[in-house]
PDB file of N, CA and C in Angstrom:
ATOM      1  N   MET A   1      23.504 139.706  56.061  1.00  0.00           N
ATOM      2  CA  MET A   1      21.995 139.917  55.510  1.00  0.00           C
ATOM      3  C   MET A   1      21.037 140.157  56.519  1.00  0.00           C
ATOM      4  N   LEU A   2      20.194 140.933  56.045  1.00  0.00           N
ATOM      5  CA  LEU A   2      19.240 141.393  57.060  1.00  0.00           C
ATOM      6  C   LEU A   2      18.373 140.280  57.292  1.00  0.00           C
ATOM      7  N   GLN A   3      17.896 139.980  58.652  1.00  0.00           N
ATOM      8  CA  GLN A   3      17.012 138.797  58.920  1.00  0.00           C
ATOM      9  C   GLN A   3      15.841 139.642  58.936  1.00  0.00           C
ATOM     10  N   THR A   4      14.765 139.024  58.016  1.00  0.00           N
ATOM     11  CA  THR A   4      13.295 139.351  57.989  1.00  0.00           C
ATOM     12  C   THR A   4      12.265 138.901  58.523  1.00  0.00           C
ATOM     13  N   GLU A   5      12.646 137.577  59.148  1.00  0.00           N
ATOM     14  CA  GLU A   5      11.294 136.525  59.505  1.00  0.00           C
ATOM     15  C   GLU A   5      12.055 135.829  60.930  1.00  0.00           C
ATOM     16  N   TYR A   6      11.210 135.550  61.918  1.00  0.00           N
ATOM     17  CA  TYR A   6      11.810 135.149  63.336  1.00  0.00           C
ATOM     18  C   TYR A   6      10.889 133.951  63.550  1.00  0.00           C
ATOM     19  N   GLU A   7      11.483 132.859  63.865  1.00  0.00           N
ATOM     20  CA  GLU A   7      10.401 131.799  64.280  1.00  0.00           C
ATOM     21  C   GLU A   7      10.169 132.060  65.792  1.00  0.00           C
ATOM     22  N   PHE A   8       9.098 131.382  66.350  1.00  0.00           N
ATOM     23  CA  PHE A   8       8.752 131.387  67.540  1.00  0.00           C
ATOM     24  C   PHE A   8       7.617 130.309  68.258  1.00  0.00           C
ATOM     25  N   THR A   9       7.632 130.043  69.367  1.00  0.00           N
ATOM     26  CA  THR A   9       6.957 128.986  69.859  1.00  0.00           C
ATOM     27  C   THR A   9       6.120 129.641  71.132  1.00  0.00           C
ATOM     28  N   LEU A  10       4.902 129.497  70.913  1.00  0.00           N
ATOM     29  CA  LEU A  10       4.031 130.185  71.986  1.00  0.00           C
ATOM     30  C   LEU A  10       4.222 129.328  73.434  1.00  0.00           C
ATOM     31  N   PRO A  11       3.852 130.115  74.514  1.00  0.00           N
ATOM     32  CA  PRO A  11       3.972 129.385  75.932  1.00  0.00           C
ATOM     33  C   PRO A  11       2.898 128.582  75.779  1.00  0.00           C
ATOM     34  N   MET A  12       1.741 128.627  75.188  1.00  0.00           N
ATOM     35  CA  MET A  12       0.376 127.857  75.694  1.00  0.00           C
ATOM     36  C   MET A  12      -0.057 127.430  74.315  1.00  0.00           C
ATOM     37  N   GLY A  13      -0.379 128.140  73.308  1.00  0.00           N
ATOM     38  CA  GLY A  13      -0.413 127.739  72.150  1.00  0.00           C
ATOM     39  C   GLY A  13      -2.218 128.094  71.580  1.00  0.00           C
ATOM     40  N   TYR A  14      -2.322 127.875  70.531  1.00  0.00           N
ATOM     41  CA  TYR A  14      -3.959 128.013  69.904  1.00  0.00           C
ATOM     42  C   TYR A  14      -4.483 127.009  69.518  1.00  0.00           C
ATOM     43  N   ALA A  15      -5.748 126.729  70.006  1.00  0.00           N
ATOM     44  CA  ALA A  15      -6.558 125.421  69.888  1.00  0.00           C
ATOM     45  C   ALA A  15      -7.367 125.859  68.713  1.00  0.00           C
ATOM     46  N   ASP A  16      -7.534 125.193  67.481  1.00  0.00           N
ATOM     47  CA  ASP A  16      -8.327 125.704  66.486  1.00  0.00           C
ATOM     48  C   ASP A  16      -9.600 124.933  66.655  1.00  0.00           C
ATOM     49  N   GLU A  17     -10.793 124.868  65.610  1.00  0.00           N
ATOM     50  CA  GLU A  17     -11.965 124.468  65.939  1.00  0.00           C
ATOM     51  C   GLU A  17     -12.042 122.871  65.936  1.00  0.00           C
ATOM     52  N   GLU A  18     -10.853 122.359  65.144  1.00  0.00           N
ATOM     53  CA  GLU A  18     -10.864 120.963  65.287  1.00  0.00           C
ATOM     54  C   GLU A  18      -9.928 120.305  66.597  1.00  0.00           C
ATOM     55  N   GLY A  19      -9.551 121.080  67.473  1.00  0.00           N
ATOM     56  CA  GLY A  19      -8.896 120.823  68.287  1.00  0.00           C
ATOM     57  C   GLY A  19      -7.320 120.793  68.471  1.00  0.00           C
ATOM     58  N   THR A  20      -6.916 121.006  67.300  1.00  0.00           N
ATOM     59  CA  THR A  20      -5.402 120.994  67.001  1.00  0.00           C
ATOM     60  C   THR A  20      -4.779 122.170  67.837  1.00  0.00           C
ATOM     61  N   LEU A  21      -3.583 121.811  68.210  1.00  0.00           N
ATOM     62  CA  LEU A  21      -2.931 122.754  69.035  1.00  0.00           C
ATOM     63  C   LEU A  21      -1.804 123.473  67.972  1.00  0.00           C
ATOM     64  N   HIS A  22      -1.831 124.712  68.056  1.00  0.00           N
ATOM     65  CA  HIS A  22      -0.500 125.467  67.111  1.00  0.00           C
ATOM     66  C   HIS A  22       0.102 126.250  68.181  1.00  0.00           C
ATOM     67  N   ARG A  23       1.438 125.995  68.070  1.00  0.00           N
ATOM     68  CA  ARG A  23       2.387 126.720  69.058  1.00  0.00           C
ATOM     69  C   ARG A  23       3.492 127.361  68.229  1.00  0.00           C
ATOM     70  N   ASP A  24       4.002 126.844  67.100  1.00  0.00           N
ATOM     71  CA  ASP A  24       5.010 127.418  66.324  1.00  0.00           C
ATOM     72  C   ASP A  24       4.664 128.063  65.125  1.00  0.00           C
ATOM     73  N   GLY A  25       5.336 129.112  65.028  1.00  0.00           N
ATOM     74  CA  GLY A  25       5.193 130.050  63.701  1.00  0.00           C
ATOM     75  C   GLY A  25       6.336 130.941  63.614  1.00  0.00           C
ATOM     76  N   VAL A  26       5.880 131.754  62.459  1.00  0.00           N
ATOM     77  CA  VAL A  26       6.922 132.798  61.965  1.00  0.00           C
ATOM     78  C   VAL A  26       6.365 134.222  61.960  1.00  0.00           C
ATOM     79  N   MET A  27       6.918 135.118  62.531  1.00  0.00           N
ATOM     80  CA  MET A  27       6.633 136.352  62.428  1.00  0.00           C
ATOM     81  C   MET A  27       7.598 137.304  61.507  1.00  0.00           C
ATOM     82  N   ARG A  28       7.310 137.895  60.512  1.00  0.00           N
ATOM     83  CA  ARG A  28       8.249 138.910  59.857  1.00  0.00           C
ATOM     84  C   ARG A  28       8.140 140.351  60.229  1.00  0.00           C
ATOM     85  N   LEU A  29       9.182 140.954  60.110  1.00  0.00           N
ATOM     86  CA  LEU A  29       9.196 142.654  60.285  1.00  0.00           C
ATOM     87  C   LEU A  29       8.108 143.210  59.689  1.00  0.00           C
ATOM     88  N   ALA A  30       7.607 144.305  60.503  1.00  0.00           N
ATOM     89  CA  ALA A  30       6.568 144.929  59.873  1.00  0.00           C
ATOM     90  C   ALA A  30       7.080 146.103  58.913  1.00  0.00           C
ATOM     91  N   THR A  31       5.996 146.346  57.945  1.00  0.00           N
ATOM     92  CA  THR A  31       6.477 147.533  57.123  1.00  0.00           C
ATOM     93  C   THR A  31       5.702 148.717  57.658  1.00  0.00           C
ATOM     94  N   ALA A  32       5.615 149.866  56.838  1.00  0.00           N
ATOM     95  CA  ALA A  32       4.919 150.866  57.364  1.00  0.00           C
ATOM     96  C   ALA A  32       3.560 150.746  57.058  1.00  0.00           C
ATOM     97  N   ALA A  33       2.985 150.064  56.038  1.00  0.00           N
ATOM     98  CA  ALA A  33       1.865 149.902  55.681  1.00  0.00           C
ATOM     99  C   ALA A  33       1.257 148.715  56.767  1.00  0.00           C
ATOM    100  N   ASP A  34       2.024 148.112  57.400  1.00  0.00           N
ATOM    101  CA  ASP A  34       1.422 147.307  58.341  1.00  0.00           C
ATOM    102  C   ASP A  34       0.918 148.146  59.710  1.00  0.00           C
ATOM    103  N   GLU A  35       1.814 149.371  59.816  1.00  0.00           N
ATOM    104  CA  GLU A  35       1.316 149.771  60.971  1.00  0.00           C
ATOM    105  C   GLU A  35       0.621 150.956  60.670  1.00  0.00           C
ATOM    106  N   ILE A  36       0.362 151.449  59.556  1.00  0.00           N
ATOM    107  CA  ILE A  36      -0.462 152.258  59.032  1.00  0.00           C
ATOM    108  C   ILE A  36      -1.960 152.133  58.625  1.00  0.00           C
ATOM    109  N   LEU A  37      -2.068 151.260  57.786  1.00  0.00           N
ATOM    110  CA  LEU A  37      -3.331 150.855  57.318  1.00  0.00           C
ATOM    111  C   LEU A  37      -4.251 150.299  58.233  1.00  0.00           C
ATOM    112  N   PRO A  38      -3.841 149.463  59.480  1.00  0.00           N
ATOM    113  CA  PRO A  38      -4.783 149.035  60.371  1.00  0.00           C
ATOM    114  C   PRO A  38      -5.451 150.245  61.293  1.00  0.00           C
ATOM    115  N   LEU A  39      -5.011 151.459  60.974  1.00  0.00           N
ATOM    116  CA  LEU A  39      -5.589 152.644  61.904  1.00  0.00           C
ATOM    117  C   LEU A  39      -6.853 153.216  61.007  1.00  0.00           C
ATOM    118  N   LYS A  40      -7.007 152.775  59.780  1.00  0.00           N
ATOM    119  CA  LYS A  40      -8.125 153.030  59.116  1.00  0.00           C
ATOM    120  C   LYS A  40      -9.481 151.997  59.398  1.00  0.00           C
ATOM    121  N   ASP A  41      -9.148 150.790  60.043  1.00  0.00           N
ATOM    122  CA  ASP A  41     -10.090 149.685  60.283  1.00  0.00           C
ATOM    123  C   ASP A  41     -10.956 150.298  61.329  1.00  0.00           C
ATOM    124  N   PRO A  42     -12.372 150.104  61.116  1.00  0.00           N
ATOM    125  CA  PRO A  42     -13.298 150.718  62.020  1.00  0.00           C
ATOM    126  C   PRO A  42     -13.079 149.926  63.383  1.00  0.00           C
ATOM    127  N   ARG A  43     -12.640 148.958  63.741  1.00  0.00           N
ATOM    128  CA  ARG A  43     -12.525 148.268  64.671  1.00  0.00           C
ATOM    129  C   ARG A  43     -11.647 148.984  65.682  1.00  0.00           C
ATOM    130  N   VAL A  44     -10.403 149.421  64.958  1.00  0.00           N
ATOM    131  CA  VAL A  44      -9.442 149.973  65.524  1.00  0.00           C
ATOM    132  C   VAL A  44      -9.736 151.603  65.818  1.00  0.00           C
ATOM    133  N   GLN A  45     -10.531 151.980  64.981  1.00  0.00           N
ATOM    134  CA  GLN A  45     -10.960 153.344  65.428  1.00  0.00           C
ATOM    135  C   GLN A  45     -11.995 153.344  66.552  1.00  0.00           C
ATOM    136  N   LYS A  46     -12.689 152.523  66.762  1.00  0.00           N
ATOM    137  CA  LYS A  46     -13.650 152.057  68.006  1.00  0.00           C
ATOM    138  C   LYS A  46     -12.999 151.848  69.118  1.00  0.00           C
ATOM    139  N   ASN A  47     -11.988 150.893  69.049  1.00  0.00           N
ATOM    140  CA  ASN A  47     -11.207 150.636  70.245  1.00  0.00           C
ATOM    141  C   ASN A  47      -9.642 150.419  69.731  1.00  0.00           C
ATOM    142  N   SER A  48      -8.752 151.290  70.319  1.00  0.00           N
ATOM    143  CA  SER A  48      -7.490 151.226  69.941  1.00  0.00           C
ATOM    144  C   SER A  48      -6.775 150.145  70.038  1.00  0.00           C
ATOM    145  N   ALA A  49      -7.113 149.438  71.288  1.00  0.00           N
ATOM    146  CA  ALA A  49      -6.495 148.149  71.764  1.00  0.00           C
ATOM    147  C   ALA A  49      -6.826 147.012  70.739  1.00  0.00           C
ATOM    148  N   TYR A  50      -7.583 147.179  69.815  1.00  0.00           N
ATOM    149  CA  TYR A  50      -7.688 146.266  68.682  1.00  0.00           C
ATOM    150  C   TYR A  50      -6.502 146.180  67.623  1.00  0.00           C
ATOM    151  N   LEU A  51      -5.757 147.309  67.820  1.00  0.00           N
ATOM    152  CA  LEU A  51      -4.646 147.566  66.643  1.00  0.00           C
ATOM    153  C   LEU A  51      -3.649 146.377  66.666  1.00  0.00           C
ATOM    154  N   VAL A  52      -3.387 145.581  67.795  1.00  0.00           N
ATOM    155  CA  VAL A  52      -2.699 144.620  68.240  1.00  0.00           C
ATOM    156  C   VAL A  52      -2.968 143.601  67.457  1.00  0.00           C
ATOM    157  N   VAL A  53      -4.295 143.258  67.354  1.00  0.00           N
ATOM    158  CA  VAL A  53      -4.939 142.171  66.762  1.00  0.00           C
ATOM    159  C   VAL A  53      -4.947 142.059  65.378  1.00  0.00           C
ATOM    160  N   ILE A  54      -5.048 143.363  64.573  1.00  0.00           N
ATOM    161  CA  ILE A  54      -4.868 143.276  63.370  1.00  0.00           C
ATOM    162  C   ILE A  54      -3.370 143.419  62.984  1.00  0.00           C
ATOM    163  N   LEU A  55      -2.609 143.953  63.527  1.00  0.00           N
ATOM    164  CA  LEU A  55      -1.299 144.036  63.247  1.00  0.00           C
ATOM    165  C   LEU A  55      -0.601 142.669  63.294  1.00  0.00           C
ATOM    166  N   LEU A  56      -0.772 141.974  64.494  1.00  0.00           N
ATOM    167  CA  LEU A  56      -0.234 140.589  64.299  1.00  0.00           C
ATOM    168  C   LEU A  56      -0.802 139.814  63.163  1.00  0.00           C
ATOM    169  N   SER A  57      -1.927 139.801  63.145  1.00  0.00           N
ATOM    170  CA  SER A  57      -2.676 139.022  61.779  1.00  0.00           C
ATOM    171  C   SER A  57      -1.896 139.558  60.555  1.00  0.00           C
ATOM    172  N   ARG A  58      -1.276 140.618  60.414  1.00  0.00           N
ATOM    173  CA  ARG A  58      -0.498 140.889  59.071  1.00  0.00           C
ATOM    174  C   ARG A  58       0.878 140.431  59.126  1.00  0.00           C
ATOM    175  N   VAL A  59       1.527 140.369  60.313  1.00  0.00           N
ATOM    176  CA  VAL A  59       2.963 140.081  60.466  1.00  0.00           C
ATOM    177  C   VAL A  59       3.451 138.577  60.714  1.00  0.00           C
ATOM    178  N   ILE A  60       2.264 137.787  60.988  1.00  0.00           N
ATOM    179  CA  ILE A  60       2.670 136.340  61.203  1.00  0.00           C
ATOM    180  C   ILE A  60       2.368 135.644  60.231  1.00  0.00           C
ATOM    181  N   THR A  61       3.384 135.252  59.515  1.00  0.00           N
ATOM    182  CA  THR A  61       3.276 134.512  58.239  1.00  0.00           C
ATOM    183  C   THR A  61       3.082 133.015  58.267  1.00  0.00           C
ATOM    184  N   ARG A  62       3.516 132.211  59.327  1.00  0.00           N
ATOM    185  CA  ARG A  62       2.985 131.162  59.243  1.00  0.00           C
ATOM    186  C   ARG A  62       2.757 130.875  60.937  1.00  0.00           C
ATOM    187  N   PHE A  63       1.587 129.851  61.001  1.00  0.00           N
ATOM    188  CA  PHE A  63       1.030 129.740  62.379  1.00  0.00           C
ATOM    189  C   PHE A  63       0.716 127.943  62.546  1.00  0.00           C
ATOM    190  N   GLY A  64       1.472 127.280  62.958  1.00  0.00           N
ATOM    191  CA  GLY A  64       1.168 125.842  62.877  1.00  0.00           C
ATOM    192  C   GLY A  64       0.789 125.537  61.597  1.00  0.00           C
ATOM    193  N   SER A  65      -0.401 124.801  61.179  1.00  0.00           N
ATOM    194  CA  SER A  65      -0.735 124.335  60.024  1.00  0.00           C
ATOM    195  C   SER A  65      -1.718 125.165  59.386  1.00  0.00           C
ATOM    196  N   LEU A  66      -2.333 126.359  60.191  1.00  0.00           N
ATOM    197  CA  LEU A  66      -3.028 126.993  59.966  1.00  0.00           C
ATOM    198  C   LEU A  66      -2.921 127.492  58.513  1.00  0.00           C
ATOM    199  N   GLU A  67      -3.688 127.629  57.644  1.00  0.00           N
ATOM    200  CA  GLU A  67      -3.687 128.344  56.197  1.00  0.00           C
ATOM    201  C   GLU A  67      -3.754 129.826  56.198  1.00  0.00           C
ATOM    202  N   ASN A  68      -4.795 130.227  57.012  1.00  0.00           N
ATOM    203  CA  ASN A  68      -5.265 131.696  57.202  1.00  0.00           C
ATOM    204  C   ASN A  68      -5.067 132.250  58.212  1.00  0.00           C
ATOM    205  N   ILE A  69      -4.258 133.153  58.576  1.00  0.00           N
ATOM    206  CA  ILE A  69      -4.022 133.890  59.930  1.00  0.00           C
ATOM    207  C   ILE A  69      -4.749 135.287  59.890  1.00  0.00           C
ATOM    208  N   ASN A  70      -5.690 135.146  60.490  1.00  0.00           N
ATOM    209  CA  ASN A  70      -6.790 136.507  60.222  1.00  0.00           C
ATOM    210  C   ASN A  70      -7.089 136.956  61.796  1.00  0.00           C
ATOM    211  N   PRO A  71      -7.742 137.960  62.010  1.00  0.00           N
ATOM    212  CA  PRO A  71      -7.945 138.763  63.431  1.00  0.00           C
ATOM    213  C   PRO A  71      -8.426 137.595  64.124  1.00  0.00           C
ATOM    214  N   LYS A  72      -9.658 136.796  63.746  1.00  0.00           N
ATOM    215  CA  LYS A  72     -10.284 135.848  64.519  1.00  0.00           C
ATOM    216  C   LYS A  72      -9.151 134.792  65.191  1.00  0.00           C
ATOM    217  N   VAL A  73      -8.217 134.484  64.571  1.00  0.00           N
ATOM    218  CA  VAL A  73      -7.166 133.421  64.922  1.00  0.00           C
ATOM    219  C   VAL A  73      -6.562 134.393  66.032  1.00  0.00           C
ATOM    220  N   ILE A  74      -6.342 135.344  66.055  1.00  0.00           N
ATOM    221  CA  ILE A  74      -5.380 136.325  67.137  1.00  0.00           C
ATOM    222  C   ILE A  74      -6.357 136.566  68.421  1.00  0.00           C
ATOM    223  N   GLU A  75      -7.682 136.877  67.784  1.00  0.00           N
ATOM    224  CA  GLU A  75      -8.633 137.170  69.029  1.00  0.00           C
ATOM    225  C   GLU A  75      -8.721 135.742  70.029  1.00  0.00           C
ATOM    226  N   GLY A  76      -8.699 134.508  69.496  1.00  0.00           N
ATOM    227  CA  GLY A  76      -8.558 133.280  70.194  1.00  0.00           C
ATOM    228  C   GLY A  76      -7.496 133.032  70.994  1.00  0.00           C
ATOM    229  N   LEU A  77      -6.354 133.772  70.964  1.00  0.00           N
ATOM    230  CA  LEU A  77      -5.410 133.533  71.720  1.00  0.00           C
ATOM    231  C   LEU A  77      -5.393 133.745  73.256  1.00  0.00           C
ATOM    232  N   PHE A  78      -4.681 132.776  74.223  1.00  0.00           N
ATOM    233  CA  PHE A  78      -4.729 133.222  75.347  1.00  0.00           C
ATOM    234  C   PHE A  78      -3.797 134.489  75.511  1.00  0.00           C
ATOM    235  N   ALA A  79      -4.226 135.166  76.506  1.00  0.00           N
ATOM    236  CA  ALA A  79      -3.676 136.477  77.001  1.00  0.00           C
ATOM    237  C   ALA A  79      -2.150 136.260  77.289  1.00  0.00           C
ATOM    238  N   ALA A  80      -1.609 134.997  77.894  1.00  0.00           N
ATOM    239  CA  ALA A  80      -0.389 135.084  77.817  1.00  0.00           C
ATOM    240  C   ALA A  80       0.513 134.901  76.537  1.00  0.00           C
ATOM    241  N   ASP A  81      -0.018 134.257  75.234  1.00  0.00           N
ATOM    242  CA  ASP A  81       0.512 134.060  74.171  1.00  0.00           C
ATOM    243  C   ASP A  81       0.500 135.619  73.352  1.00  0.00           C
ATOM    244  N   LEU A  82      -0.740 136.163  73.619  1.00  0.00           N
ATOM    245  CA  LEU A  82      -0.715 137.407  73.099  1.00  0.00           C
ATOM    246  C   LEU A  82       0.474 138.179  73.624  1.00  0.00           C
ATOM    247  N   ALA A  83       0.492 138.414  74.865  1.00  0.00           N
ATOM    248  CA  ALA A  83       1.564 139.152  75.318  1.00  0.00           C
ATOM    249  C   ALA A  83       2.989 138.666  74.668  1.00  0.00           C
ATOM    250  N   TYR A  84       3.068 137.503  74.658  1.00  0.00           N
ATOM    251  CA  TYR A  84       4.467 136.900  74.276  1.00  0.00           C
ATOM    252  C   TYR A  84       4.683 137.781  72.678  1.00  0.00           C
ATOM    253  N   LEU A  85       3.661 137.430  71.870  1.00  0.00           N
ATOM    254  CA  LEU A  85       3.591 137.846  70.561  1.00  0.00           C
ATOM    255  C   LEU A  85       4.164 139.473  70.404  1.00  0.00           C
ATOM    256  N   GLN A  86       3.283 140.294  71.306  1.00  0.00           N
ATOM    257  CA  GLN A  86       3.438 141.433  71.417  1.00  0.00           C
ATOM    258  C   GLN A  86       4.929 141.786  71.795  1.00  0.00           C
ATOM    259  N   ASN A  87       5.661 141.154  72.765  1.00  0.00           N
ATOM    260  CA  ASN A  87       7.001 141.464  73.274  1.00  0.00           C
ATOM    261  C   ASN A  87       7.812 141.141  72.026  1.00  0.00           C
ATOM    262  N   LEU A  88       7.602 139.987  71.105  1.00  0.00           N
ATOM    263  CA  LEU A  88       8.364 139.668  70.075  1.00  0.00           C
ATOM    264  C   LEU A  88       8.285 140.520  68.850  1.00  0.00           C
ATOM    265  N   TYR A  89       7.084 141.048  68.713  1.00  0.00           N
ATOM    266  CA  TYR A  89       7.028 142.223  67.814  1.00  0.00           C
ATOM    267  C   TYR A  89       7.815 143.363  68.244  1.00  0.00           C
ATOM    268  N   ASN A  90       7.881 143.786  69.382  1.00  0.00           N
ATOM    269  CA  ASN A  90       8.489 144.902  69.694  1.00  0.00           C
ATOM    270  C   ASN A  90      10.163 144.641  69.696  1.00  0.00           C
ATOM    271  N   GLU A  91      10.426 143.548  70.070  1.00  0.00           N
ATOM    272  CA  GLU A  91      11.911 143.169  70.070  1.00  0.00           C
ATOM    273  C   GLU A  91      12.128 143.225  68.724  1.00  0.00           C
ATOM    274  N   ILE A  92      11.615 142.368  67.639  1.00  0.00           N
ATOM    275  CA  ILE A  92      12.136 142.344  66.259  1.00  0.00           C
ATOM    276  C   ILE A  92      12.343 143.601  65.394  1.00  0.00           C
ATOM    277  N   ASN A  93      11.352 144.317  65.958  1.00  0.00           N
ATOM    278  CA  ASN A  93      11.102 145.755  65.164  1.00  0.00           C
ATOM    279  C   ASN A  93      11.956 146.809  65.871  1.00  0.00           C
ATOM    280  N   GLN A  94      12.531 146.362  67.010  1.00  0.00           N
ATOM    281  CA  GLN A  94      13.557 147.218  67.640  1.00  0.00           C
ATOM    282  C   GLN A  94      12.562 148.688  68.296  1.00  0.00           C
ATOM    283  N   VAL A  95      11.445 148.094  68.638  1.00  0.00           N
ATOM    284  CA  VAL A  95      10.676 149.275  69.465  1.00  0.00           C
ATOM    285  C   VAL A  95      11.057 149.384  70.818  1.00  0.00           C
ATOM    286  N   ASP A  96      11.861 150.603  71.079  1.00  0.00           N
ATOM    287  CA  ASP A  96      12.191 151.058  72.465  1.00  0.00           C
ATOM    288  C   ASP A  96      11.149 151.585  73.084  1.00  0.00           C
ATOM    289  N   ASN A  97      10.781 150.796  74.347  1.00  0.00           N
ATOM    290  CA  ASN A  97       9.901 151.132  75.164  1.00  0.00           C
ATOM    291  C   ASN A  97      10.195 152.168  76.106  1.00  0.00           C
ATOM    292  N   GLY A  98      11.404 152.859  76.091  1.00  0.00           N
ATOM    293  CA  GLY A  98      11.760 153.799  76.942  1.00  0.00           C
ATOM    294  C   GLY A  98      11.295 155.179  76.768  1.00  0.00           C
ATOM    295  N   GLN A  99      11.881 156.076  77.040  1.00  0.00           N
ATOM    296  CA  GLN A  99      11.653 157.404  77.111  1.00  0.00           C
ATOM    297  C   GLN A  99      12.092 158.051  75.723  1.00  0.00           C
ATOM    298  N   LEU A 100      11.046 158.937  75.211  1.00  0.00           N
ATOM    299  CA  LEU A 100      11.269 159.776  74.150  1.00  0.00           C
ATOM    300  C   LEU A 100      11.161 161.073  74.171  1.00  0.00           C
ATOM    301  N   PRO A 101      12.432 161.787  73.879  1.00  0.00           N
ATOM    302  CA  PRO A 101      12.661 163.170  74.034  1.00  0.00           C
ATOM    303  C   PRO A 101      11.784 163.923  73.214  1.00  0.00           C
ATOM    304  N   VAL A 102      10.887 164.956  73.674  1.00  0.00           N
ATOM    305  CA  VAL A 102      10.089 165.854  72.821  1.00  0.00           C
ATOM    306  C   VAL A 102      10.052 167.116  73.328  1.00  0.00           C
ATOM    307  N   THR A 103       9.792 168.207  72.263  1.00  0.00           N
ATOM    308  CA  THR A 103       9.845 169.486  72.653  1.00  0.00           C
ATOM    309  C   THR A 103       8.461 170.106  72.302  1.00  0.00           C
ATOM    310  N   CYS A 104       7.850 170.873  73.377  1.00  0.00           N
ATOM    311  CA  CYS A 104       6.592 171.543  73.103  1.00  0.00           C
ATOM    312  C   CYS A 104       6.693 172.514  72.075  1.00  0.00           C
ATOM    313  N   PRO A 105       5.829 172.464  71.062  1.00  0.00           N
ATOM    314  CA  PRO A 105       5.894 173.331  69.702  1.00  0.00           C
ATOM    315  C   PRO A 105       5.562 174.755  70.244  1.00  0.00           C
ATOM    316  N   GLU A 106       4.864 174.843  71.378  1.00  0.00           N
ATOM    317  CA  GLU A 106       4.602 176.376  71.816  1.00  0.00           C
ATOM    318  C   GLU A 106       5.477 177.149  72.570  1.00  0.00           C
ATOM    319  N   CYS A 107       5.820 176.435  73.462  1.00  0.00           N
ATOM    320  CA  CYS A 107       6.960 176.829  74.676  1.00  0.00           C
ATOM    321  C   CYS A 107       8.406 176.538  74.295  1.00  0.00           C
ATOM    322  N   GLN A 108       8.574 175.606  73.496  1.00  0.00           N
ATOM    323  CA  GLN A 108      10.122 174.943  73.340  1.00  0.00           C
ATOM    324  C   GLN A 108      10.590 174.351  74.573  1.00  0.00           C
ATOM    325  N   HIS A 109       9.836 174.081  75.598  1.00  0.00           N
ATOM    326  CA  HIS A 109      10.297 173.322  76.687  1.00  0.00           C
ATOM    327  C   HIS A 109      10.390 171.861  76.292  1.00  0.00           C
ATOM    328  N   ASN A 110      11.689 171.380  76.681  1.00  0.00           N
ATOM    329  CA  ASN A 110      12.086 169.861  76.437  1.00  0.00           C
ATOM    330  C   ASN A 110      11.771 169.026  77.555  1.00  0.00           C
ATOM    331  N   PHE A 111      11.117 168.061  77.270  1.00  0.00           N
ATOM    332  CA  PHE A 111      10.703 166.690  78.227  1.00  0.00           C
ATOM    333  C   PHE A 111      10.780 165.510  77.494  1.00  0.00           C
ATOM    334  N   ASP A 112      10.560 164.515  78.542  1.00  0.00           N
ATOM    335  CA  ASP A 112      10.660 163.284  77.815  1.00  0.00           C
ATOM    336  C   ASP A 112       9.168 162.483  78.176  1.00  0.00           C
ATOM    337  N   VAL A 113       8.783 161.733  77.399  1.00  0.00           N
ATOM    338  CA  VAL A 113       7.625 161.184  77.503  1.00  0.00           C
ATOM    339  C   VAL A 113       7.639 159.273  77.225  1.00  0.00           C
ATOM    340  N   GLU A 114       6.791 158.744  77.978  1.00  0.00           N
ATOM    341  CA  GLU A 114       7.045 157.466  77.791  1.00  0.00           C
ATOM    342  C   GLU A 114       6.641 156.955  76.072  1.00  0.00           C
ATOM    343  N   ARG A 115       7.290 156.292  75.395  1.00  0.00           N
ATOM    344  CA  ARG A 115       7.045 155.872  74.319  1.00  0.00           C
ATOM    345  C   ARG A 115       5.979 154.681  74.334  1.00  0.00           C
ATOM    346  N   PRO A 116       5.145 154.898  73.381  1.00  0.00           N
ATOM    347  CA  PRO A 116       3.907 153.888  73.249  1.00  0.00           C
ATOM    348  C   PRO A 116       4.313 152.460  72.824  1.00  0.00           C
ATOM    349  N   VAL A 117       3.689 151.497  73.314  1.00  0.00           N
ATOM    350  CA  VAL A 117       3.856 150.127  72.767  1.00  0.00           C
ATOM    351  C   VAL A 117       2.851 149.679  71.961  1.00  0.00           C
ATOM    352  N   LEU A 118       2.903 148.536  71.254  1.00  0.00           N
ATOM    353  CA  LEU A 118       2.020 147.973  70.345  1.00  0.00           C
ATOM    354  C   LEU A 118       0.789 147.492  70.998  1.00  0.00           C
ATOM    355  N   GLY A 119      -0.496 148.288  70.767  1.00  0.00           N
ATOM    356  CA  GLY A 119      -1.563 147.937  71.155  1.00  0.00           C
ATOM    357  C   GLY A 119      -1.635 148.425  72.624  1.00  0.00           C
ATOM    358  N   GLY A 120      -0.784 149.053  73.271  1.00  0.00           N
ATOM    359  CA  GLY A 120      -0.459 149.403  74.497  1.00  0.00           C
ATOM    360  C   GLY A 120      -1.659 150.671  74.895  1.00  0.00           C
ATOM    361  N   SER A 121      -1.915 150.673  76.224  1.00  0.00           N
ATOM    362  CA  SER A 121      -2.654 151.669  76.720  1.00  0.00           C
ATOM    363  C   SER A 121      -1.991 152.523  77.528  1.00  0.00           C
TER     364      SER A 121
END
């Protein structure tokens, strides 16, 4: 059976407006729409690093007792927690951060390029 949801516990946690700390959650596998639709968002078009914020807000299905996981919640994460979630996303979606073989369409030269990572630069 295909596993589509993965539990996580953040190293630090997110404190909401009431001061409640949220550390446990669930992330689901990403769909093609999860990766394509955020590219149309004006925030992503202005700053490509914002892609990770939109993407994580789409694939995190449960986060503590929060009812609404939106970009504002992801923006409020500590950097260590954001990095943890990026790594989890790449792991469960089997994103290989190694080299990608490519061929130049003009000269047919073969070479490797570094595979991009979620929200990476």
